[in-house]
N, C-alpha and C. Protein backbone atom coordinates (compact mmCIF):
# COMPACT_ATOMS: atom_id res chain seq x y z
N MET A 1 -9.46 8.52 14.24
CA MET A 1 -10.32 8.52 13.06
C MET A 1 -11.36 9.65 13.12
N HIS A 2 -11.99 9.81 14.29
CA HIS A 2 -13.02 10.85 14.44
C HIS A 2 -12.43 12.24 14.20
N GLU A 3 -11.24 12.48 14.76
CA GLU A 3 -10.58 13.78 14.57
C GLU A 3 -10.27 14.02 13.09
N ALA A 4 -9.80 12.99 12.41
CA ALA A 4 -9.47 13.12 10.99
C ALA A 4 -10.72 13.43 10.17
N ILE A 5 -11.80 12.72 10.42
CA ILE A 5 -13.04 12.93 9.65
C ILE A 5 -13.61 14.32 9.91
N THR A 6 -13.58 14.75 11.16
CA THR A 6 -14.06 16.11 11.48
C THR A 6 -13.25 17.16 10.72
N PHE A 7 -11.95 16.99 10.71
CA PHE A 7 -11.07 17.94 10.00
C PHE A 7 -11.32 17.90 8.50
N LEU A 8 -11.34 16.69 7.92
CA LEU A 8 -11.45 16.56 6.46
C LEU A 8 -12.80 17.06 5.94
N THR A 9 -13.88 16.79 6.67
CA THR A 9 -15.19 17.24 6.20
C THR A 9 -15.35 18.75 6.33
N SER A 10 -14.61 19.35 7.27
CA SER A 10 -14.64 20.81 7.39
C SER A 10 -13.83 21.49 6.29
N GLN A 11 -12.86 20.76 5.75
CA GLN A 11 -11.98 21.30 4.71
C GLN A 11 -12.48 21.06 3.30
N ASP A 12 -13.27 20.01 3.11
CA ASP A 12 -13.53 19.53 1.75
C ASP A 12 -14.97 19.01 1.64
N THR A 13 -15.79 19.68 0.86
CA THR A 13 -17.20 19.27 0.72
C THR A 13 -17.34 17.96 -0.06
N THR A 14 -16.38 17.66 -0.91
CA THR A 14 -16.43 16.40 -1.66
C THR A 14 -16.20 15.21 -0.73
N ILE A 15 -15.25 15.35 0.18
CA ILE A 15 -15.02 14.31 1.20
C ILE A 15 -16.29 14.12 2.02
N LYS A 16 -16.92 15.22 2.39
CA LYS A 16 -18.16 15.13 3.18
C LYS A 16 -19.26 14.40 2.38
N PHE A 17 -19.34 14.70 1.08
CA PHE A 17 -20.32 14.04 0.21
C PHE A 17 -20.08 12.52 0.17
N ILE A 18 -18.83 12.11 0.04
CA ILE A 18 -18.51 10.68 -0.01
C ILE A 18 -18.95 9.99 1.28
N LEU A 19 -18.61 10.60 2.41
CA LEU A 19 -18.96 9.99 3.70
C LEU A 19 -20.46 9.99 3.93
N ASP A 20 -21.13 11.07 3.55
CA ASP A 20 -22.59 11.13 3.70
C ASP A 20 -23.28 10.09 2.83
N THR A 21 -22.72 9.83 1.66
CA THR A 21 -23.33 8.91 0.70
C THR A 21 -23.01 7.45 0.98
N PHE A 22 -21.75 7.17 1.31
CA PHE A 22 -21.30 5.79 1.41
C PHE A 22 -20.88 5.36 2.82
N GLY A 23 -20.92 6.28 3.77
CA GLY A 23 -20.50 5.94 5.12
C GLY A 23 -18.98 5.97 5.27
N ASN A 24 -18.53 5.66 6.48
CA ASN A 24 -17.09 5.70 6.75
C ASN A 24 -16.38 4.50 6.14
N PRO A 25 -15.14 4.71 5.69
CA PRO A 25 -14.37 3.58 5.18
C PRO A 25 -13.85 2.71 6.31
N ILE A 26 -13.48 1.49 5.97
CA ILE A 26 -12.78 0.63 6.92
C ILE A 26 -11.29 0.96 6.81
N ILE A 27 -10.68 1.32 7.92
CA ILE A 27 -9.25 1.60 7.93
C ILE A 27 -8.52 0.28 8.11
N GLN A 28 -7.93 -0.18 7.04
CA GLN A 28 -7.29 -1.50 7.08
C GLN A 28 -5.93 -1.43 7.76
N GLU A 29 -5.62 -2.50 8.46
CA GLU A 29 -4.30 -2.63 9.09
C GLU A 29 -3.69 -3.96 8.68
N ARG A 30 -2.39 -3.93 8.46
CA ARG A 30 -1.64 -5.15 8.18
C ARG A 30 -0.48 -5.23 9.16
N ALA A 31 -0.08 -6.43 9.46
CA ALA A 31 1.07 -6.61 10.34
C ALA A 31 2.32 -6.04 9.67
N GLU A 32 3.21 -5.53 10.47
CA GLU A 32 4.47 -5.03 9.93
C GLU A 32 5.40 -6.20 9.60
N GLY A 33 6.33 -5.97 8.68
CA GLY A 33 7.36 -6.96 8.46
C GLY A 33 7.43 -7.54 7.06
N PHE A 34 8.24 -8.58 6.95
CA PHE A 34 8.60 -9.17 5.67
C PHE A 34 7.40 -9.71 4.90
N ALA A 35 6.53 -10.47 5.54
CA ALA A 35 5.41 -11.10 4.84
C ALA A 35 4.49 -10.05 4.21
N SER A 36 4.23 -8.97 4.94
CA SER A 36 3.37 -7.92 4.40
C SER A 36 4.02 -7.22 3.21
N MET A 37 5.34 -7.03 3.27
CA MET A 37 6.03 -6.42 2.13
C MET A 37 5.97 -7.34 0.93
N CYS A 38 6.07 -8.64 1.14
CA CYS A 38 5.90 -9.60 0.04
C CYS A 38 4.52 -9.44 -0.59
N HIS A 39 3.50 -9.34 0.26
CA HIS A 39 2.12 -9.19 -0.22
C HIS A 39 1.99 -7.93 -1.06
N ILE A 40 2.58 -6.84 -0.61
CA ILE A 40 2.52 -5.57 -1.34
C ILE A 40 3.20 -5.70 -2.70
N ILE A 41 4.33 -6.37 -2.75
CA ILE A 41 5.02 -6.59 -4.04
C ILE A 41 4.12 -7.39 -4.98
N LEU A 42 3.44 -8.40 -4.46
CA LEU A 42 2.53 -9.20 -5.28
C LEU A 42 1.37 -8.36 -5.81
N GLU A 43 1.00 -7.30 -5.09
CA GLU A 43 -0.13 -6.45 -5.50
C GLU A 43 0.23 -5.47 -6.61
N GLN A 44 1.50 -5.32 -6.92
CA GLN A 44 1.89 -4.37 -7.95
C GLN A 44 1.26 -4.74 -9.30
N GLN A 45 0.53 -3.79 -9.86
CA GLN A 45 0.00 -3.87 -11.23
C GLN A 45 -0.91 -5.07 -11.49
N VAL A 46 -1.52 -5.61 -10.44
CA VAL A 46 -2.54 -6.65 -10.62
C VAL A 46 -3.71 -6.32 -9.69
N SER A 47 -4.80 -7.05 -9.84
CA SER A 47 -5.96 -6.81 -8.98
C SER A 47 -5.67 -7.26 -7.55
N ILE A 48 -6.38 -6.67 -6.62
CA ILE A 48 -6.25 -7.04 -5.21
C ILE A 48 -6.58 -8.52 -5.02
N ALA A 49 -7.64 -8.98 -5.71
CA ALA A 49 -8.07 -10.38 -5.59
C ALA A 49 -7.00 -11.34 -6.11
N SER A 50 -6.40 -10.99 -7.23
CA SER A 50 -5.36 -11.84 -7.82
C SER A 50 -4.15 -11.94 -6.91
N ALA A 51 -3.73 -10.79 -6.35
CA ALA A 51 -2.57 -10.77 -5.44
C ALA A 51 -2.86 -11.56 -4.17
N LYS A 52 -4.08 -11.42 -3.66
CA LYS A 52 -4.44 -12.14 -2.43
C LYS A 52 -4.43 -13.65 -2.67
N ALA A 53 -4.94 -14.09 -3.82
CA ALA A 53 -4.96 -15.52 -4.16
C ALA A 53 -3.54 -16.07 -4.23
N CYS A 54 -2.65 -15.29 -4.84
CA CYS A 54 -1.24 -15.70 -4.95
C CYS A 54 -0.60 -15.77 -3.57
N TYR A 55 -0.86 -14.78 -2.73
CA TYR A 55 -0.29 -14.74 -1.38
C TYR A 55 -0.79 -15.94 -0.55
N LEU A 56 -2.08 -16.26 -0.68
CA LEU A 56 -2.64 -17.39 0.07
C LEU A 56 -2.04 -18.72 -0.40
N LYS A 57 -1.72 -18.82 -1.69
CA LYS A 57 -1.04 -20.01 -2.20
C LYS A 57 0.35 -20.15 -1.57
N LEU A 58 1.05 -19.02 -1.45
CA LEU A 58 2.37 -19.05 -0.81
C LEU A 58 2.25 -19.50 0.64
N GLU A 59 1.27 -18.94 1.35
CA GLU A 59 1.05 -19.34 2.75
C GLU A 59 0.73 -20.82 2.86
N SER A 60 -0.11 -21.31 1.97
CA SER A 60 -0.51 -22.70 2.00
C SER A 60 0.67 -23.63 1.69
N HIS A 61 1.50 -23.20 0.75
CA HIS A 61 2.63 -24.03 0.33
C HIS A 61 3.75 -24.06 1.37
N PHE A 62 4.09 -22.86 1.89
CA PHE A 62 5.25 -22.77 2.78
C PHE A 62 4.89 -22.80 4.27
N GLY A 63 3.63 -22.51 4.58
CA GLY A 63 3.25 -22.43 6.00
C GLY A 63 3.56 -21.07 6.57
N THR A 64 4.83 -20.71 6.54
CA THR A 64 5.28 -19.39 7.01
C THR A 64 6.03 -18.71 5.87
N ILE A 65 5.74 -17.43 5.68
CA ILE A 65 6.46 -16.67 4.65
C ILE A 65 7.57 -15.89 5.35
N SER A 66 8.75 -16.49 5.37
CA SER A 66 9.90 -15.88 6.04
C SER A 66 10.99 -15.59 5.02
N PRO A 67 11.91 -14.67 5.35
CA PRO A 67 13.00 -14.36 4.42
C PRO A 67 13.82 -15.60 4.05
N GLU A 68 14.12 -16.43 5.03
CA GLU A 68 14.95 -17.62 4.79
C GLU A 68 14.26 -18.59 3.83
N ILE A 69 12.97 -18.80 4.04
CA ILE A 69 12.22 -19.73 3.19
C ILE A 69 12.16 -19.21 1.76
N ILE A 70 11.82 -17.94 1.59
CA ILE A 70 11.71 -17.37 0.24
C ILE A 70 13.07 -17.35 -0.46
N PHE A 71 14.11 -16.99 0.26
CA PHE A 71 15.44 -16.89 -0.35
C PHE A 71 15.96 -18.26 -0.80
N ASN A 72 15.69 -19.29 0.00
CA ASN A 72 16.27 -20.61 -0.27
C ASN A 72 15.41 -21.53 -1.12
N CYS A 73 14.16 -21.15 -1.36
CA CYS A 73 13.29 -22.03 -2.14
C CYS A 73 13.65 -21.98 -3.63
N GLU A 74 13.21 -23.00 -4.36
CA GLU A 74 13.39 -23.02 -5.81
C GLU A 74 12.43 -22.02 -6.47
N ASP A 75 12.91 -21.39 -7.53
CA ASP A 75 12.05 -20.46 -8.26
C ASP A 75 10.77 -21.15 -8.73
N SER A 76 10.90 -22.43 -9.08
CA SER A 76 9.73 -23.17 -9.58
C SER A 76 8.63 -23.27 -8.53
N GLU A 77 9.00 -23.30 -7.25
CA GLU A 77 7.99 -23.35 -6.19
C GLU A 77 7.17 -22.06 -6.18
N LEU A 78 7.86 -20.94 -6.36
CA LEU A 78 7.17 -19.65 -6.38
C LEU A 78 6.32 -19.52 -7.64
N ARG A 79 6.84 -19.99 -8.78
CA ARG A 79 6.07 -19.94 -10.02
C ARG A 79 4.80 -20.77 -9.90
N ASN A 80 4.90 -21.91 -9.24
CA ASN A 80 3.73 -22.78 -9.06
C ASN A 80 2.67 -22.14 -8.17
N CYS A 81 3.07 -21.16 -7.39
CA CYS A 81 2.11 -20.41 -6.56
C CYS A 81 1.57 -19.17 -7.29
N GLY A 82 2.01 -18.99 -8.52
CA GLY A 82 1.48 -17.89 -9.33
C GLY A 82 2.34 -16.64 -9.35
N VAL A 83 3.57 -16.71 -8.82
CA VAL A 83 4.45 -15.54 -8.80
C VAL A 83 5.18 -15.44 -10.15
N SER A 84 5.15 -14.27 -10.76
CA SER A 84 5.82 -14.07 -12.04
C SER A 84 7.34 -14.11 -11.87
N ARG A 85 8.05 -14.35 -12.97
CA ARG A 85 9.51 -14.39 -12.91
C ARG A 85 10.08 -13.09 -12.35
N GLN A 86 9.51 -11.97 -12.78
CA GLN A 86 10.00 -10.67 -12.32
C GLN A 86 9.81 -10.50 -10.82
N LYS A 87 8.63 -10.88 -10.34
CA LYS A 87 8.36 -10.71 -8.91
C LYS A 87 9.12 -11.72 -8.06
N ILE A 88 9.47 -12.87 -8.64
CA ILE A 88 10.35 -13.80 -7.92
C ILE A 88 11.68 -13.10 -7.62
N MET A 89 12.18 -12.37 -8.59
CA MET A 89 13.44 -11.64 -8.41
C MET A 89 13.28 -10.57 -7.31
N TYR A 90 12.15 -9.90 -7.30
CA TYR A 90 11.90 -8.87 -6.29
C TYR A 90 11.81 -9.47 -4.89
N LEU A 91 11.06 -10.57 -4.77
CA LEU A 91 10.89 -11.22 -3.45
C LEU A 91 12.21 -11.76 -2.92
N LYS A 92 13.02 -12.32 -3.82
CA LYS A 92 14.31 -12.87 -3.39
C LYS A 92 15.27 -11.75 -3.00
N ASP A 93 15.19 -10.61 -3.69
CA ASP A 93 16.04 -9.48 -3.33
C ASP A 93 15.63 -8.93 -1.96
N LEU A 94 14.34 -8.83 -1.73
CA LEU A 94 13.83 -8.40 -0.41
C LEU A 94 14.32 -9.37 0.67
N ALA A 95 14.18 -10.67 0.43
CA ALA A 95 14.59 -11.68 1.41
C ALA A 95 16.09 -11.56 1.70
N SER A 96 16.87 -11.40 0.66
CA SER A 96 18.33 -11.27 0.81
C SER A 96 18.68 -10.06 1.67
N LYS A 97 17.99 -8.95 1.43
CA LYS A 97 18.29 -7.71 2.17
C LYS A 97 17.86 -7.80 3.63
N VAL A 98 16.79 -8.53 3.90
CA VAL A 98 16.36 -8.72 5.29
C VAL A 98 17.35 -9.64 6.02
N ILE A 99 17.76 -10.72 5.35
CA ILE A 99 18.71 -11.66 5.97
C ILE A 99 20.03 -10.97 6.28
N SER A 100 20.47 -10.09 5.38
CA SER A 100 21.75 -9.39 5.57
C SER A 100 21.62 -8.13 6.44
N LYS A 101 20.40 -7.86 6.92
CA LYS A 101 20.13 -6.72 7.82
C LYS A 101 20.17 -5.36 7.11
N GLN A 102 20.20 -5.38 5.78
CA GLN A 102 20.09 -4.10 5.06
C GLN A 102 18.69 -3.51 5.20
N ILE A 103 17.71 -4.40 5.33
CA ILE A 103 16.33 -4.02 5.62
C ILE A 103 16.01 -4.57 7.00
N ASP A 104 15.58 -3.68 7.90
CA ASP A 104 15.30 -4.10 9.29
C ASP A 104 13.93 -3.58 9.71
N PHE A 105 12.90 -4.37 9.42
CA PHE A 105 11.53 -3.94 9.71
C PHE A 105 11.31 -3.67 11.19
N GLU A 106 11.99 -4.41 12.04
CA GLU A 106 11.79 -4.26 13.49
C GLU A 106 12.27 -2.90 14.00
N SER A 107 13.10 -2.23 13.23
CA SER A 107 13.63 -0.93 13.67
C SER A 107 12.74 0.24 13.26
N TYR A 108 11.68 -0.04 12.48
CA TYR A 108 10.93 1.06 11.87
C TYR A 108 10.16 1.93 12.85
N SER A 109 9.81 1.36 13.99
CA SER A 109 9.08 2.17 14.97
C SER A 109 9.93 3.32 15.50
N ALA A 110 11.25 3.18 15.37
CA ALA A 110 12.16 4.23 15.86
C ALA A 110 12.73 5.07 14.72
N LYS A 111 12.28 4.81 13.49
CA LYS A 111 12.84 5.52 12.33
C LYS A 111 11.83 6.51 11.76
N SER A 112 12.34 7.54 11.10
CA SER A 112 11.48 8.53 10.45
C SER A 112 10.93 7.95 9.15
N GLU A 113 9.86 8.57 8.65
CA GLU A 113 9.31 8.18 7.36
C GLU A 113 10.38 8.25 6.27
N GLU A 114 11.17 9.32 6.29
CA GLU A 114 12.21 9.49 5.27
C GLU A 114 13.24 8.35 5.32
N ASP A 115 13.64 7.96 6.52
CA ASP A 115 14.62 6.87 6.66
C ASP A 115 14.05 5.54 6.18
N ILE A 116 12.78 5.30 6.47
CA ILE A 116 12.13 4.07 6.00
C ILE A 116 12.05 4.05 4.48
N ARG A 117 11.68 5.19 3.90
CA ARG A 117 11.62 5.30 2.44
C ARG A 117 12.98 5.00 1.81
N LYS A 118 14.03 5.56 2.38
CA LYS A 118 15.39 5.35 1.84
C LYS A 118 15.80 3.88 1.90
N GLU A 119 15.33 3.19 2.92
CA GLU A 119 15.66 1.77 3.08
C GLU A 119 14.89 0.92 2.08
N LEU A 120 13.59 1.14 2.01
CA LEU A 120 12.74 0.29 1.17
C LEU A 120 12.98 0.50 -0.33
N ILE A 121 13.38 1.70 -0.71
CA ILE A 121 13.58 1.99 -2.14
C ILE A 121 14.76 1.20 -2.72
N THR A 122 15.60 0.64 -1.84
CA THR A 122 16.75 -0.15 -2.32
C THR A 122 16.34 -1.54 -2.80
N ILE A 123 15.10 -1.97 -2.50
CA ILE A 123 14.64 -3.30 -2.91
C ILE A 123 14.30 -3.26 -4.41
N LYS A 124 14.77 -4.25 -5.15
CA LYS A 124 14.45 -4.33 -6.57
C LYS A 124 12.94 -4.36 -6.76
N GLY A 125 12.46 -3.54 -7.69
CA GLY A 125 11.04 -3.54 -8.03
C GLY A 125 10.16 -2.75 -7.10
N VAL A 126 10.73 -2.18 -6.05
CA VAL A 126 9.93 -1.42 -5.08
C VAL A 126 10.09 0.07 -5.36
N GLY A 127 8.95 0.73 -5.62
CA GLY A 127 8.94 2.16 -5.86
C GLY A 127 8.08 2.87 -4.84
N ASN A 128 7.70 4.11 -5.14
CA ASN A 128 6.96 4.93 -4.18
C ASN A 128 5.62 4.31 -3.79
N TRP A 129 4.92 3.72 -4.77
CA TRP A 129 3.60 3.16 -4.46
C TRP A 129 3.71 2.06 -3.39
N SER A 130 4.62 1.12 -3.59
CA SER A 130 4.78 0.01 -2.64
C SER A 130 5.16 0.53 -1.25
N ILE A 131 6.05 1.52 -1.23
CA ILE A 131 6.49 2.10 0.04
C ILE A 131 5.33 2.78 0.73
N GLU A 132 4.55 3.55 -0.03
CA GLU A 132 3.43 4.29 0.57
C GLU A 132 2.35 3.35 1.10
N VAL A 133 2.10 2.26 0.40
CA VAL A 133 1.14 1.27 0.90
C VAL A 133 1.65 0.67 2.22
N TYR A 134 2.94 0.37 2.28
CA TYR A 134 3.50 -0.16 3.54
C TYR A 134 3.35 0.86 4.67
N LEU A 135 3.67 2.12 4.39
CA LEU A 135 3.58 3.17 5.41
C LEU A 135 2.14 3.36 5.89
N MET A 136 1.19 3.25 4.97
CA MET A 136 -0.22 3.46 5.31
C MET A 136 -0.82 2.26 6.06
N PHE A 137 -0.63 1.06 5.50
CA PHE A 137 -1.32 -0.12 6.02
C PHE A 137 -0.57 -0.77 7.18
N CYS A 138 0.74 -0.78 7.11
CA CYS A 138 1.55 -1.48 8.13
C CYS A 138 2.03 -0.54 9.23
N ARG A 139 2.55 0.61 8.86
CA ARG A 139 3.02 1.56 9.86
C ARG A 139 1.89 2.47 10.35
N GLN A 140 0.80 2.53 9.62
CA GLN A 140 -0.36 3.36 10.00
C GLN A 140 0.02 4.84 10.16
N LEU A 141 0.89 5.32 9.28
CA LEU A 141 1.24 6.75 9.32
C LEU A 141 0.05 7.56 8.80
N PRO A 142 -0.25 8.71 9.43
CA PRO A 142 -1.51 9.40 9.14
C PRO A 142 -1.51 10.32 7.93
N ASP A 143 -0.34 10.60 7.36
CA ASP A 143 -0.31 11.67 6.34
C ASP A 143 0.39 11.23 5.05
N ILE A 144 -0.11 10.13 4.46
CA ILE A 144 0.44 9.59 3.22
C ILE A 144 -0.62 9.65 2.13
N ILE A 145 -0.22 10.10 0.93
CA ILE A 145 -1.11 10.07 -0.23
C ILE A 145 -0.40 9.37 -1.38
N PRO A 146 -0.88 8.18 -1.80
CA PRO A 146 -0.19 7.43 -2.86
C PRO A 146 -0.65 7.88 -4.25
N LEU A 147 -0.03 8.91 -4.76
CA LEU A 147 -0.47 9.49 -6.02
C LEU A 147 -0.10 8.63 -7.23
N GLY A 148 0.64 7.55 -7.00
CA GLY A 148 0.91 6.60 -8.07
C GLY A 148 -0.16 5.52 -8.18
N ASP A 149 -1.15 5.55 -7.30
CA ASP A 149 -2.20 4.54 -7.29
C ASP A 149 -3.27 4.89 -8.33
N ILE A 150 -3.59 3.92 -9.19
CA ILE A 150 -4.53 4.17 -10.29
C ILE A 150 -5.91 4.58 -9.78
N ALA A 151 -6.40 3.91 -8.73
CA ALA A 151 -7.73 4.23 -8.20
C ALA A 151 -7.76 5.65 -7.63
N ILE A 152 -6.71 6.03 -6.92
CA ILE A 152 -6.63 7.39 -6.37
C ILE A 152 -6.60 8.40 -7.50
N LYS A 153 -5.75 8.18 -8.48
CA LYS A 153 -5.63 9.14 -9.60
C LYS A 153 -6.94 9.27 -10.37
N ASN A 154 -7.55 8.14 -10.69
CA ASN A 154 -8.80 8.18 -11.46
C ASN A 154 -9.92 8.89 -10.70
N THR A 155 -9.97 8.66 -9.39
CA THR A 155 -11.02 9.30 -8.59
C THR A 155 -10.78 10.79 -8.45
N LEU A 156 -9.53 11.20 -8.29
CA LEU A 156 -9.24 12.64 -8.21
C LEU A 156 -9.56 13.33 -9.54
N LYS A 157 -9.33 12.64 -10.64
CA LYS A 157 -9.71 13.19 -11.95
C LYS A 157 -11.23 13.33 -12.04
N GLU A 158 -11.93 12.30 -11.57
CA GLU A 158 -13.40 12.28 -11.67
C GLU A 158 -14.05 13.33 -10.78
N LEU A 159 -13.61 13.41 -9.54
CA LEU A 159 -14.29 14.26 -8.56
C LEU A 159 -13.76 15.69 -8.49
N TYR A 160 -12.48 15.87 -8.85
CA TYR A 160 -11.87 17.19 -8.67
C TYR A 160 -11.32 17.79 -9.97
N ASN A 161 -11.50 17.04 -11.08
CA ASN A 161 -10.98 17.50 -12.38
C ASN A 161 -9.47 17.75 -12.36
N CYS A 162 -8.78 17.00 -11.54
CA CYS A 162 -7.31 17.10 -11.51
C CYS A 162 -6.75 16.23 -12.63
N GLU A 163 -5.87 16.79 -13.43
CA GLU A 163 -5.29 16.04 -14.55
C GLU A 163 -3.83 15.68 -14.33
N THR A 164 -3.11 16.49 -13.58
CA THR A 164 -1.68 16.25 -13.40
C THR A 164 -1.37 15.89 -11.96
N VAL A 165 -0.24 15.25 -11.76
CA VAL A 165 0.20 14.90 -10.41
C VAL A 165 0.42 16.16 -9.58
N ASP A 166 0.92 17.21 -10.20
CA ASP A 166 1.11 18.48 -9.48
C ASP A 166 -0.21 19.02 -8.96
N GLU A 167 -1.25 18.93 -9.78
CA GLU A 167 -2.58 19.39 -9.34
C GLU A 167 -3.10 18.53 -8.19
N MET A 168 -2.85 17.24 -8.29
CA MET A 168 -3.29 16.32 -7.23
C MET A 168 -2.54 16.57 -5.93
N GLN A 169 -1.24 16.85 -6.07
CA GLN A 169 -0.42 17.14 -4.89
C GLN A 169 -0.91 18.41 -4.21
N LYS A 170 -1.21 19.42 -5.02
CA LYS A 170 -1.69 20.69 -4.46
C LYS A 170 -3.04 20.49 -3.78
N LEU A 171 -3.92 19.73 -4.41
CA LEU A 171 -5.22 19.43 -3.81
C LEU A 171 -5.05 18.74 -2.46
N SER A 172 -4.15 17.77 -2.42
CA SER A 172 -3.97 16.97 -1.20
C SER A 172 -3.40 17.78 -0.04
N ASP A 173 -2.79 18.93 -0.35
CA ASP A 173 -2.22 19.76 0.72
C ASP A 173 -3.29 20.20 1.72
N GLN A 174 -4.53 20.36 1.25
CA GLN A 174 -5.60 20.80 2.16
C GLN A 174 -6.01 19.70 3.14
N TRP A 175 -5.58 18.46 2.86
CA TRP A 175 -5.92 17.34 3.74
C TRP A 175 -4.87 17.07 4.80
N LYS A 176 -3.72 17.73 4.72
CA LYS A 176 -2.68 17.54 5.73
C LYS A 176 -3.22 17.95 7.09
N PRO A 177 -2.92 17.26 8.17
CA PRO A 177 -2.00 16.12 8.31
C PRO A 177 -2.70 14.76 8.29
N PHE A 178 -3.82 14.66 7.53
CA PHE A 178 -4.62 13.42 7.53
C PHE A 178 -4.81 12.87 6.12
N ARG A 179 -3.77 12.94 5.30
CA ARG A 179 -3.93 12.49 3.91
C ARG A 179 -4.13 10.98 3.80
N THR A 180 -3.64 10.22 4.75
CA THR A 180 -3.90 8.77 4.74
C THR A 180 -5.40 8.51 4.84
N TYR A 181 -6.08 9.19 5.75
CA TYR A 181 -7.52 8.99 5.92
C TYR A 181 -8.27 9.46 4.69
N ALA A 182 -7.83 10.56 4.10
CA ALA A 182 -8.44 11.03 2.86
C ALA A 182 -8.28 9.98 1.76
N SER A 183 -7.12 9.34 1.72
CA SER A 183 -6.87 8.30 0.72
C SER A 183 -7.81 7.12 0.92
N PHE A 184 -8.00 6.70 2.17
CA PHE A 184 -8.93 5.61 2.45
C PHE A 184 -10.35 5.97 2.04
N ILE A 185 -10.73 7.23 2.23
CA ILE A 185 -12.07 7.69 1.83
C ILE A 185 -12.21 7.66 0.31
N ILE A 186 -11.16 8.08 -0.40
CA ILE A 186 -11.19 8.08 -1.87
C ILE A 186 -11.26 6.65 -2.40
N TRP A 187 -10.46 5.73 -1.82
CA TRP A 187 -10.55 4.31 -2.20
C TRP A 187 -11.96 3.78 -1.94
N HIS A 188 -12.54 4.17 -0.81
CA HIS A 188 -13.89 3.75 -0.43
C HIS A 188 -14.89 4.16 -1.51
N TYR A 189 -14.81 5.39 -1.96
CA TYR A 189 -15.68 5.89 -3.03
C TYR A 189 -15.47 5.08 -4.30
N TYR A 190 -14.21 4.89 -4.67
CA TYR A 190 -13.86 4.16 -5.91
C TYR A 190 -14.47 2.76 -5.91
N LEU A 191 -14.33 2.04 -4.80
CA LEU A 191 -14.83 0.68 -4.70
C LEU A 191 -16.36 0.63 -4.64
N LYS A 192 -16.97 1.52 -3.88
CA LYS A 192 -18.43 1.55 -3.77
C LYS A 192 -19.09 1.86 -5.10
N LYS A 193 -18.52 2.81 -5.84
CA LYS A 193 -19.09 3.18 -7.14
C LYS A 193 -19.01 2.03 -8.12
N ARG A 194 -18.07 1.14 -7.93
CA ARG A 194 -17.88 0.00 -8.84
C ARG A 194 -18.39 -1.30 -8.25
N ASN A 195 -19.12 -1.19 -7.13
CA ASN A 195 -19.71 -2.37 -6.47
C ASN A 195 -18.67 -3.44 -6.16
N LYS A 196 -17.48 -2.97 -5.74
CA LYS A 196 -16.41 -3.92 -5.43
C LYS A 196 -16.61 -4.54 -4.05
N PHE A 197 -17.36 -3.87 -3.17
CA PHE A 197 -17.69 -4.47 -1.88
C PHE A 197 -18.92 -3.81 -1.32
């Protein structure tokens, strides 16, 4: 973390301003595996608080969130925990792929980022944003920038006057090889400015 902050503040005065004003962000970590991927799917296009409440309901109802339990349960059980019909389909597809070994989270420590992306993109409803969140929070890869994230995009527009994804991509090149840390700093600014924590 110290090496990343030293590098980023030397490269970017805006990053330095955020850290000087709001302090260092908390680098969040999540356990690797099926349950975390379920949580990420629940977070798609809803608030963090709403997704967390839904995930906690699943934990409370099932005890353990495992592929076998999710695949074999009734859809009504998931709906009663607040999971939408569409996301039920996504969770069951993920569970099916883990059970059949098409998705193997335990192998990811030995796989490249590209190979992990190719595997996860096969899950129904999972796109680049969900994959990048998994790579950042669960795999803790240091050089990921989720340009599909609304908070990231809005903050880059606000602070850097970037309007297009191409402009944002070019901007983020100066943060390599620590774009994950830059992303956490940008999220930190976004949340602090809105008194989210």
